């Protein structure tokens, strides 16, 4: 999609895209640490709140701090046990998006896909800018995010629809397999992939109306940039992953 066709940016949407860029940068540089720490803290807090609620509802004849601590410990253990599942699901989604981007990039050279749909990061930027708008009605916008998404899907030929569905499913299954068989590698790939995707989304959203149509409308260019940025994230995170692995074996 030409970048100048995206809805104009507003201060509210600009703030969201800046936050998205910050999140993407943190995932690229410290993704593994942030993911594990966030998952552990979520389990700890959720378990503690569940224990506190249970103590109030059932009126258990034990000190509140004991139920609170026990619930937090159980929540932490469950979070650690489910870490591979969460990693697999998130890695599967980002690999599915990446492979769909590859299909779109290849389809750009085939008339059967015309009109070529935007890359996933460009599409997400479009959806965010269409949905986070202030002071306008649906009639003023002329379209809704759901209608816009359907508008990109409808013109695609059946063969390419099938290719997109198959590649997305393959990416999802591959992500789950990697996370189960090589959890540390899975976390690194997942956080680097999401970091690159969020960075591209933020850059696309912020660039609209500030630069001429360019790489953002090319599925090939977006795929190459996404690959390069994610590879940089993997290279940054690998030393920390190796140190953690050596610490486990020591």
Foldseek 3Di string as FASTA:
>chain_A
DFLQVFADDDPVLLVVLVVLLVLLVCLLQPVLVCLLVVLLVVLLVVQLVVLQVCCVPVVDPDDNVVSSRVRSVVSNVVSVVCVLVVLLQLQLQLQLLLQLLVLLLVCVVPPQQPVRAFRPLLLVLRQSRQAPDPDDDCVRSVDHSVRVVVVNVVSHDPVSVVVSVVSSVVSSVVSSVCCVVPVLVSSLLSSLSSSLSSNSNSCSNVCRPPDGGDLRRRSVSSSVSSVVSSVSSSVNCVVVSVVVVVVVVD
